[in-house]
Amino acid sequence: MKILLTGATGYIGKRLLPVLLAQNHEVICCVRDLKRFDANSYHSPNVSIIEIDFLENETLNKLPHDIEIAFYLIHSMSAAADEFS
């Protein structure tokens, strides 16, 4: 199955990714900063990374169109409550 994993560098995303790879899924990880994610530590050809900021519309065209499942693990803890949309 082809899975999109947002929040791949977060607490839950880091723990979910190895489980999905162990089940032989193809996982596309969305990260805001490529430097914060080390795909080599997962030793799997089934993991790929795209740098995307969901608050910037122009980066959304990087999203694959053939995703079967998406895990949306993005939060806004760093944003002010009055700026949350």
N, C-alpha and C. Protein backbone atom coordinates (compact mmCIF):
# COMPACT_ATOMS: atom_id res chain seq x y z
N MET A 1 0.83 -1.16 0.00
CA MET A 1 0.00 0.00 0.00
C MET A 1 0.89 1.24 0.00
N LYS A 2 0.49 2.28 -0.70
CA LYS A 2 1.24 3.53 -0.77
C LYS A 2 0.65 4.51 0.25
N ILE A 3 1.50 4.90 1.21
CA ILE A 3 1.04 5.69 2.35
C ILE A 3 1.77 7.02 2.41
N LEU A 4 1.02 8.09 2.67
CA LEU A 4 1.60 9.41 2.91
C LEU A 4 1.63 9.62 4.42
N LEU A 5 2.81 9.94 4.94
CA LEU A 5 2.97 10.16 6.37
C LEU A 5 3.43 11.59 6.60
N THR A 6 2.52 12.42 7.11
CA THR A 6 2.91 13.78 7.48
C THR A 6 3.35 13.76 8.93
N GLY A 7 4.16 14.71 9.33
CA GLY A 7 4.66 14.72 10.70
C GLY A 7 5.63 13.59 10.97
N ALA A 8 6.39 13.20 9.96
CA ALA A 8 7.29 12.04 10.07
C ALA A 8 8.43 12.26 11.05
N THR A 9 8.74 13.51 11.39
CA THR A 9 9.82 13.76 12.35
C THR A 9 9.28 13.96 13.76
N GLY A 10 7.99 13.86 13.92
CA GLY A 10 7.38 14.05 15.24
C GLY A 10 7.36 12.78 16.07
N TYR A 11 6.89 12.89 17.28
CA TYR A 11 6.88 11.78 18.23
C TYR A 11 6.16 10.54 17.68
N ILE A 12 4.95 10.72 17.19
CA ILE A 12 4.17 9.58 16.67
C ILE A 12 4.70 9.13 15.32
N GLY A 13 5.00 10.07 14.44
CA GLY A 13 5.49 9.73 13.10
C GLY A 13 6.75 8.88 13.13
N LYS A 14 7.68 9.22 14.02
CA LYS A 14 8.93 8.45 14.14
C LYS A 14 8.68 7.02 14.59
N ARG A 15 7.63 6.81 15.33
CA ARG A 15 7.30 5.46 15.83
C ARG A 15 6.42 4.69 14.86
N LEU A 16 5.61 5.41 14.09
CA LEU A 16 4.73 4.76 13.12
C LEU A 16 5.49 4.30 11.88
N LEU A 17 6.45 5.07 11.43
CA LEU A 17 7.18 4.75 10.20
C LEU A 17 7.80 3.35 10.21
N PRO A 18 8.55 2.94 11.24
CA PRO A 18 9.12 1.59 11.22
C PRO A 18 8.06 0.48 11.18
N VAL A 19 6.92 0.73 11.80
CA VAL A 19 5.84 -0.26 11.79
C VAL A 19 5.30 -0.42 10.37
N LEU A 20 5.09 0.70 9.69
CA LEU A 20 4.57 0.64 8.31
C LEU A 20 5.58 -0.02 7.37
N LEU A 21 6.86 0.28 7.56
CA LEU A 21 7.89 -0.34 6.71
C LEU A 21 8.01 -1.83 6.98
N ALA A 22 7.86 -2.23 8.24
CA ALA A 22 7.92 -3.66 8.59
C ALA A 22 6.78 -4.43 7.94
N GLN A 23 5.69 -3.74 7.66
CA GLN A 23 4.55 -4.36 6.98
C GLN A 23 4.67 -4.24 5.46
N ASN A 24 5.84 -3.80 4.99
CA ASN A 24 6.18 -3.72 3.58
C ASN A 24 5.37 -2.69 2.79
N HIS A 25 4.94 -1.63 3.46
CA HIS A 25 4.24 -0.55 2.77
C HIS A 25 5.26 0.41 2.16
N GLU A 26 4.88 1.07 1.11
CA GLU A 26 5.67 2.16 0.55
C GLU A 26 5.22 3.43 1.26
N VAL A 27 6.17 4.13 1.90
CA VAL A 27 5.81 5.29 2.71
C VAL A 27 6.50 6.54 2.17
N ILE A 28 5.71 7.55 1.88
CA ILE A 28 6.23 8.85 1.47
C ILE A 28 6.10 9.75 2.68
N CYS A 29 7.22 10.22 3.19
CA CYS A 29 7.24 11.06 4.38
C CYS A 29 7.28 12.53 3.99
N CYS A 30 6.41 13.30 4.59
CA CYS A 30 6.39 14.75 4.39
C CYS A 30 7.10 15.41 5.56
N VAL A 31 8.09 16.24 5.26
CA VAL A 31 8.82 16.96 6.30
C VAL A 31 8.96 18.42 5.87
N ARG A 32 9.05 19.31 6.85
CA ARG A 32 9.29 20.72 6.54
C ARG A 32 10.76 20.98 6.28
N ASP A 33 11.63 20.19 6.92
CA ASP A 33 13.07 20.40 6.81
C ASP A 33 13.75 19.06 6.56
N LEU A 34 14.28 18.87 5.36
CA LEU A 34 14.94 17.60 5.00
C LEU A 34 16.09 17.26 5.94
N LYS A 35 16.74 18.26 6.49
CA LYS A 35 17.89 18.01 7.37
C LYS A 35 17.48 17.35 8.69
N ARG A 36 16.21 17.42 9.05
CA ARG A 36 15.75 16.83 10.31
C ARG A 36 15.35 15.36 10.17
N PHE A 37 15.43 14.81 8.96
CA PHE A 37 14.98 13.43 8.73
C PHE A 37 16.09 12.63 8.08
N ASP A 38 16.45 11.51 8.67
CA ASP A 38 17.49 10.65 8.12
C ASP A 38 16.88 9.35 7.60
N ALA A 39 16.59 9.32 6.31
CA ALA A 39 15.97 8.13 5.71
C ALA A 39 16.90 6.94 5.74
N ASN A 40 18.20 7.17 5.74
CA ASN A 40 19.16 6.06 5.76
C ASN A 40 19.07 5.23 7.04
N SER A 41 18.57 5.81 8.10
CA SER A 41 18.47 5.07 9.35
C SER A 41 17.37 4.00 9.29
N TYR A 42 16.52 4.05 8.28
CA TYR A 42 15.44 3.07 8.16
C TYR A 42 15.81 1.89 7.26
N HIS A 43 16.88 1.98 6.51
CA HIS A 43 17.39 0.87 5.69
C HIS A 43 16.29 0.21 4.86
N SER A 44 15.52 1.01 4.17
CA SER A 44 14.44 0.46 3.37
C SER A 44 14.31 1.22 2.05
N PRO A 45 14.15 0.49 0.96
CA PRO A 45 13.89 1.16 -0.32
C PRO A 45 12.45 1.68 -0.42
N ASN A 46 11.62 1.33 0.57
CA ASN A 46 10.21 1.71 0.55
C ASN A 46 9.92 3.05 1.20
N VAL A 47 10.95 3.78 1.60
CA VAL A 47 10.74 5.07 2.22
C VAL A 47 11.30 6.17 1.32
N SER A 48 10.51 7.22 1.13
CA SER A 48 10.97 8.39 0.39
C SER A 48 10.51 9.63 1.15
N ILE A 49 11.14 10.75 0.83
CA ILE A 49 10.88 11.98 1.58
C ILE A 49 10.58 13.11 0.61
N ILE A 50 9.61 13.92 0.96
CA ILE A 50 9.37 15.15 0.22
C ILE A 50 9.34 16.29 1.24
N GLU A 51 9.99 17.38 0.87
CA GLU A 51 9.99 18.57 1.71
C GLU A 51 8.80 19.41 1.32
N ILE A 52 7.93 19.64 2.28
CA ILE A 52 6.69 20.36 1.99
C ILE A 52 6.25 21.12 3.24
N ASP A 53 5.71 22.29 3.03
CA ASP A 53 5.15 23.08 4.12
C ASP A 53 3.67 23.25 3.83
N PHE A 54 2.83 22.65 4.64
CA PHE A 54 1.40 22.67 4.39
C PHE A 54 0.78 24.05 4.56
N LEU A 55 1.55 25.01 5.06
CA LEU A 55 1.08 26.39 5.15
C LEU A 55 1.44 27.21 3.92
N GLU A 56 2.21 26.59 3.00
CA GLU A 56 2.63 27.26 1.77
C GLU A 56 2.00 26.53 0.58
N ASN A 57 1.00 27.13 -0.02
CA ASN A 57 0.26 26.48 -1.11
C ASN A 57 1.15 26.03 -2.26
N GLU A 58 2.20 26.80 -2.58
CA GLU A 58 3.03 26.45 -3.73
C GLU A 58 3.80 25.14 -3.53
N THR A 59 3.95 24.68 -2.29
CA THR A 59 4.67 23.41 -2.07
C THR A 59 3.74 22.20 -2.17
N LEU A 60 2.45 22.44 -2.17
CA LEU A 60 1.50 21.33 -2.18
C LEU A 60 1.50 20.54 -3.49
N ASN A 61 2.04 21.13 -4.55
CA ASN A 61 2.08 20.40 -5.83
C ASN A 61 3.07 19.24 -5.80
N LYS A 62 3.85 19.12 -4.74
CA LYS A 62 4.77 18.00 -4.59
C LYS A 62 4.07 16.73 -4.11
N LEU A 63 2.84 16.87 -3.64
CA LEU A 63 2.12 15.71 -3.10
C LEU A 63 1.79 14.72 -4.22
N PRO A 64 2.07 13.44 -4.00
CA PRO A 64 1.71 12.43 -5.00
C PRO A 64 0.19 12.29 -5.11
N HIS A 65 -0.27 11.90 -6.27
CA HIS A 65 -1.71 11.75 -6.50
C HIS A 65 -2.19 10.31 -6.35
N ASP A 66 -1.27 9.39 -6.16
CA ASP A 66 -1.66 7.97 -6.10
C ASP A 66 -1.55 7.39 -4.70
N ILE A 67 -1.78 8.21 -3.69
CA ILE A 67 -1.73 7.77 -2.30
C ILE A 67 -3.00 6.99 -1.97
N GLU A 68 -2.82 5.89 -1.24
CA GLU A 68 -3.98 5.09 -0.83
C GLU A 68 -4.46 5.44 0.58
N ILE A 69 -3.52 5.79 1.44
CA ILE A 69 -3.84 6.16 2.83
C ILE A 69 -2.93 7.31 3.22
N ALA A 70 -3.46 8.23 4.04
CA ALA A 70 -2.64 9.32 4.57
C ALA A 70 -2.79 9.39 6.08
N PHE A 71 -1.67 9.52 6.76
CA PHE A 71 -1.66 9.77 8.19
C PHE A 71 -1.30 11.24 8.35
N TYR A 72 -2.24 12.03 8.84
CA TYR A 72 -2.04 13.47 9.00
C TYR A 72 -1.70 13.74 10.46
N LEU A 73 -0.40 13.86 10.74
CA LEU A 73 0.08 14.02 12.11
C LEU A 73 0.73 15.39 12.30
N ILE A 74 0.10 16.41 11.75
CA ILE A 74 0.63 17.76 11.84
C ILE A 74 -0.11 18.49 12.96
N HIS A 75 0.65 19.24 13.74
CA HIS A 75 0.04 20.04 14.80
C HIS A 75 0.47 21.49 14.64
N SER A 76 -0.14 22.35 15.42
CA SER A 76 0.19 23.77 15.39
C SER A 76 0.61 24.26 16.77
N MET A 77 1.33 23.45 17.49
CA MET A 77 1.72 23.82 18.84
C MET A 77 2.61 25.05 18.87
N SER A 78 3.37 25.29 17.83
CA SER A 78 4.26 26.44 17.82
C SER A 78 3.57 27.72 17.37
N ALA A 79 2.38 27.62 16.81
CA ALA A 79 1.66 28.79 16.33
C ALA A 79 0.83 29.39 17.47
N ALA A 80 0.63 30.67 17.41
CA ALA A 80 -0.21 31.34 18.38
C ALA A 80 -1.67 30.94 18.16
N ALA A 81 -2.43 30.87 19.22
CA ALA A 81 -3.82 30.41 19.13
C ALA A 81 -4.65 31.32 18.23
N ASP A 82 -4.35 32.62 18.19
CA ASP A 82 -5.14 33.52 17.34
C ASP A 82 -4.80 33.39 15.86
N GLU A 83 -3.70 32.67 15.54
CA GLU A 83 -3.31 32.48 14.14
C GLU A 83 -3.71 31.10 13.62
N PHE A 84 -4.31 30.28 14.46
CA PHE A 84 -4.68 28.93 14.05
C PHE A 84 -5.89 28.99 13.13
N SER A 85 -5.76 28.37 11.95
CA SER A 85 -6.88 28.37 11.02
C SER A 85 -7.36 26.96 10.75
